[in-house]
Amino acid sequence: MQYLLLIYHDEGLWDAVSEAEKQSIYGRYRSLRQELMDAGKFKGGSQLQSSSTATVVRVRDGKTSITDGPFAETKEALGGYFLIEARDLDDALEIAARIPSAATGSIEVRPLVPQQTA
């Protein structure tokens, strides 16, 4: 089953991290990604740009509104994601706990709805 691991973190804290520490964290991400790729579990993923670059689109009563910036004021923002293949929820949770940002932020684990074949 596929799971989307949504990686949330405090953007202000990330901005305050030294470049050397950022590179260390990126190295841990690369290592985990490679391990998951080798096991056939990594399906995709990426870091996202800051929430200040976000644009929100809403359609209400046929009218489209576009708003710059994050959807809501929150301490933690969506910073990236991993799309994985896992045996079950327990396997997905174990992988989520190994994501470096779990130590300072949070990882939301969401199963994908299986695609219907025609």
C-alpha atoms as a PDB file:
ATOM      1  CA  MET A   1       0.000   0.000   0.000  1.00  0.00           C
ATOM      2  CA  GLN A   2       1.212   3.509  -0.709  1.00  0.00           C
ATOM      3  CA  TYR A   3       1.452   6.186   1.965  1.00  0.00           C
ATOM      4  CA  LEU A   4       2.141   9.892   1.730  1.00  0.00           C
ATOM      5  CA  LEU A   5       4.379  11.120   4.532  1.00  0.00           C
ATOM      6  CA  LEU A   6       3.770  14.857   4.921  1.00  0.00           C
ATOM      7  CA  ILE A   7       6.709  16.571   6.591  1.00  0.00           C
ATOM      8  CA  TYR A   8       5.852  19.597   8.752  1.00  0.00           C
ATOM      9  CA  HIS A   9       8.374  21.872  10.400  1.00  0.00           C
ATOM     10  CA  ASP A  10       8.760  25.320  11.921  1.00  0.00           C
ATOM     11  CA  GLU A  11      10.106  27.461   9.088  1.00  0.00           C
ATOM     12  CA  GLY A  12      11.512  30.034  11.524  1.00  0.00           C
ATOM     13  CA  LEU A  13      13.576  27.377  13.279  1.00  0.00           C
ATOM     14  CA  TRP A  14      14.818  26.042   9.937  1.00  0.00           C
ATOM     15  CA  ASP A  15      15.894  29.528   8.864  1.00  0.00           C
ATOM     16  CA  ALA A  16      17.953  29.808  12.055  1.00  0.00           C
ATOM     17  CA  VAL A  17      19.860  26.533  11.458  1.00  0.00           C
ATOM     18  CA  SER A  18      23.457  26.995  10.289  1.00  0.00           C
ATOM     19  CA  GLU A  19      24.350  25.997   6.739  1.00  0.00           C
ATOM     20  CA  ALA A  20      26.632  23.231   8.062  1.00  0.00           C
ATOM     21  CA  GLU A  21      23.780  21.745  10.120  1.00  0.00           C
ATOM     22  CA  LYS A  22      21.388  22.014   7.143  1.00  0.00           C
ATOM     23  CA  GLN A  23      23.868  20.041   5.039  1.00  0.00           C
ATOM     24  CA  SER A  24      24.080  17.403   7.778  1.00  0.00           C
ATOM     25  CA  ILE A  25      20.283  17.104   7.854  1.00  0.00           C
ATOM     26  CA  TYR A  26      20.116  16.924   4.041  1.00  0.00           C
ATOM     27  CA  GLY A  27      22.698  14.128   4.207  1.00  0.00           C
ATOM     28  CA  ARG A  28      20.466  12.153   6.578  1.00  0.00           C
ATOM     29  CA  TYR A  29      17.538  12.670   4.202  1.00  0.00           C
ATOM     30  CA  ARG A  30      19.620  11.451   1.233  1.00  0.00           C
ATOM     31  CA  SER A  31      20.739   8.398   3.191  1.00  0.00           C
ATOM     32  CA  LEU A  32      17.177   7.455   4.176  1.00  0.00           C
ATOM     33  CA  ARG A  33      15.904   8.083   0.636  1.00  0.00           C
ATOM     34  CA  GLN A  34      18.653   5.853  -0.824  1.00  0.00           C
ATOM     35  CA  GLU A  35      17.918   3.086   1.678  1.00  0.00           C
ATOM     36  CA  LEU A  36      14.212   3.222   0.809  1.00  0.00           C
ATOM     37  CA  MET A  37      15.004   3.287  -2.925  1.00  0.00           C
ATOM     38  CA  ASP A  38      17.235   0.224  -2.549  1.00  0.00           C
ATOM     39  CA  ALA A  39      14.354  -1.567  -0.788  1.00  0.00           C
ATOM     40  CA  GLY A  40      11.867  -0.536  -3.505  1.00  0.00           C
ATOM     41  CA  LYS A  41       9.861   1.532  -1.022  1.00  0.00           C
ATOM     42  CA  PHE A  42      10.613   5.098  -2.169  1.00  0.00           C
ATOM     43  CA  LYS A  43       8.178   6.247  -4.872  1.00  0.00           C
ATOM     44  CA  GLY A  44       8.848   9.989  -4.835  1.00  0.00           C
ATOM     45  CA  GLY A  45       9.337  13.005  -2.673  1.00  0.00           C
ATOM     46  CA  SER A  46      10.679  16.509  -2.524  1.00  0.00           C
ATOM     47  CA  GLN A  47      11.375  19.467  -0.306  1.00  0.00           C
ATOM     48  CA  LEU A  48       8.957  22.355  -0.841  1.00  0.00           C
ATOM     49  CA  GLN A  49       9.822  26.018  -1.064  1.00  0.00           C
ATOM     50  CA  SER A  50       8.810  28.236   1.862  1.00  0.00           C
ATOM     51  CA  SER A  51       5.093  28.637   2.554  1.00  0.00           C
ATOM     52  CA  SER A  52       5.526  32.323   1.659  1.00  0.00           C
ATOM     53  CA  THR A  53       5.731  31.174  -1.991  1.00  0.00           C
ATOM     54  CA  ALA A  54       2.359  29.406  -1.813  1.00  0.00           C
ATOM     55  CA  THR A  55      -0.713  30.441  -3.750  1.00  0.00           C
ATOM     56  CA  VAL A  56      -4.169  29.289  -2.659  1.00  0.00           C
ATOM     57  CA  VAL A  57      -6.958  28.807  -5.215  1.00  0.00           C
ATOM     58  CA  ARG A  58     -10.611  28.583  -4.217  1.00  0.00           C
ATOM     59  CA  VAL A  59     -13.722  28.357  -6.373  1.00  0.00           C
ATOM     60  CA  ARG A  60     -16.974  29.399  -4.694  1.00  0.00           C
ATOM     61  CA  ASP A  61     -20.236  29.822  -6.553  1.00  0.00           C
ATOM     62  CA  GLY A  62     -18.336  29.625  -9.835  1.00  0.00           C
ATOM     63  CA  LYS A  63     -15.956  32.451  -8.880  1.00  0.00           C
ATOM     64  CA  THR A  64     -12.233  31.826  -8.536  1.00  0.00           C
ATOM     65  CA  SER A  65     -10.228  33.611  -5.874  1.00  0.00           C
ATOM     66  CA  ILE A  66      -6.469  33.485  -5.663  1.00  0.00           C
ATOM     67  CA  THR A  67      -4.595  34.357  -2.472  1.00  0.00           C
ATOM     68  CA  ASP A  68      -0.844  34.630  -2.039  1.00  0.00           C
ATOM     69  CA  GLY A  69       0.885  33.110   0.952  1.00  0.00           C
ATOM     70  CA  PRO A  70       0.086  30.216   3.249  1.00  0.00           C
ATOM     71  CA  PHE A  71      -3.448  28.979   3.761  1.00  0.00           C
ATOM     72  CA  ALA A  72      -3.455  29.565   7.511  1.00  0.00           C
ATOM     73  CA  GLU A  73      -1.235  30.985  10.203  1.00  0.00           C
ATOM     74  CA  THR A  74       0.307  27.968  11.873  1.00  0.00           C
ATOM     75  CA  LYS A  75       3.538  27.287  13.679  1.00  0.00           C
ATOM     76  CA  GLU A  76       4.425  24.308  11.490  1.00  0.00           C
ATOM     77  CA  ALA A  77       4.241  24.440   7.696  1.00  0.00           C
ATOM     78  CA  LEU A  78       4.313  21.680   5.118  1.00  0.00           C
ATOM     79  CA  GLY A  79       7.971  21.488   4.113  1.00  0.00           C
ATOM     80  CA  GLY A  80       8.063  18.386   1.941  1.00  0.00           C
ATOM     81  CA  TYR A  81       6.846  14.863   1.430  1.00  0.00           C
ATOM     82  CA  PHE A  82       7.843  11.252   0.821  1.00  0.00           C
ATOM     83  CA  LEU A  83       5.626   8.919  -1.192  1.00  0.00           C
ATOM     84  CA  ILE A  84       6.393   5.373  -0.087  1.00  0.00           C
ATOM     85  CA  GLU A  85       5.290   1.789  -0.566  1.00  0.00           C
ATOM     86  CA  ALA A  86       4.868   0.056   2.794  1.00  0.00           C
ATOM     87  CA  ARG A  87       3.692  -3.367   3.920  1.00  0.00           C
ATOM     88  CA  ASP A  88       1.156  -1.809   6.273  1.00  0.00           C
ATOM     89  CA  LEU A  89       0.577   1.182   8.549  1.00  0.00           C
ATOM     90  CA  ASP A  90       3.124  -0.040  11.098  1.00  0.00           C
ATOM     91  CA  ASP A  91       5.805  -0.160   8.401  1.00  0.00           C
ATOM     92  CA  ALA A  92       4.842   3.351   7.221  1.00  0.00           C
ATOM     93  CA  LEU A  93       4.990   4.677  10.790  1.00  0.00           C
ATOM     94  CA  GLU A  94       8.439   3.152  11.309  1.00  0.00           C
ATOM     95  CA  ILE A  95       9.688   4.885   8.160  1.00  0.00           C
ATOM     96  CA  ALA A  96       8.055   8.189   9.182  1.00  0.00           C
ATOM     97  CA  ALA A  97       9.843   8.091  12.535  1.00  0.00           C
ATOM     98  CA  ARG A  98      13.172   7.885  10.688  1.00  0.00           C
ATOM     99  CA  ILE A  99      12.603  11.100   8.716  1.00  0.00           C
ATOM    100  CA  PRO A 100      15.045  13.662  10.162  1.00  0.00           C
ATOM    101  CA  SER A 101      12.375  16.366  10.617  1.00  0.00           C
ATOM    102  CA  ALA A 102      10.407  14.098  12.967  1.00  0.00           C
ATOM    103  CA  ALA A 103      12.885  15.152  15.671  1.00  0.00           C
ATOM    104  CA  THR A 104      11.807  18.814  15.535  1.00  0.00           C
ATOM    105  CA  GLY A 105       8.535  18.837  13.591  1.00  0.00           C
ATOM    106  CA  SER A 106       5.908  16.258  12.753  1.00  0.00           C
ATOM    107  CA  ILE A 107       5.181  13.714  10.051  1.00  0.00           C
ATOM    108  CA  GLU A 108       1.591  13.103   8.973  1.00  0.00           C
ATOM    109  CA  VAL A 109       1.097   9.601   7.567  1.00  0.00           C
ATOM    110  CA  ARG A 110      -1.755   9.255   5.064  1.00  0.00           C
ATOM    111  CA  PRO A 111      -2.666   6.146   3.075  1.00  0.00           C
ATOM    112  CA  LEU A 112      -3.484   6.741  -0.572  1.00  0.00           C
ATOM    113  CA  VAL A 113      -6.819   5.591  -1.942  1.00  0.00           C
ATOM    114  CA  PRO A 114      -6.081   2.664  -4.275  1.00  0.00           C
ATOM    115  CA  GLN A 115      -6.669   3.503  -7.929  1.00  0.00           C
ATOM    116  CA  GLN A 116      -9.623   1.774  -9.550  1.00  0.00           C
ATOM    117  CA  THR A 117      -8.796  -0.021 -12.775  1.00  0.00           C
ATOM    118  CA  ALA A 118     -11.361  -0.071 -15.544  1.00  0.00           C
END
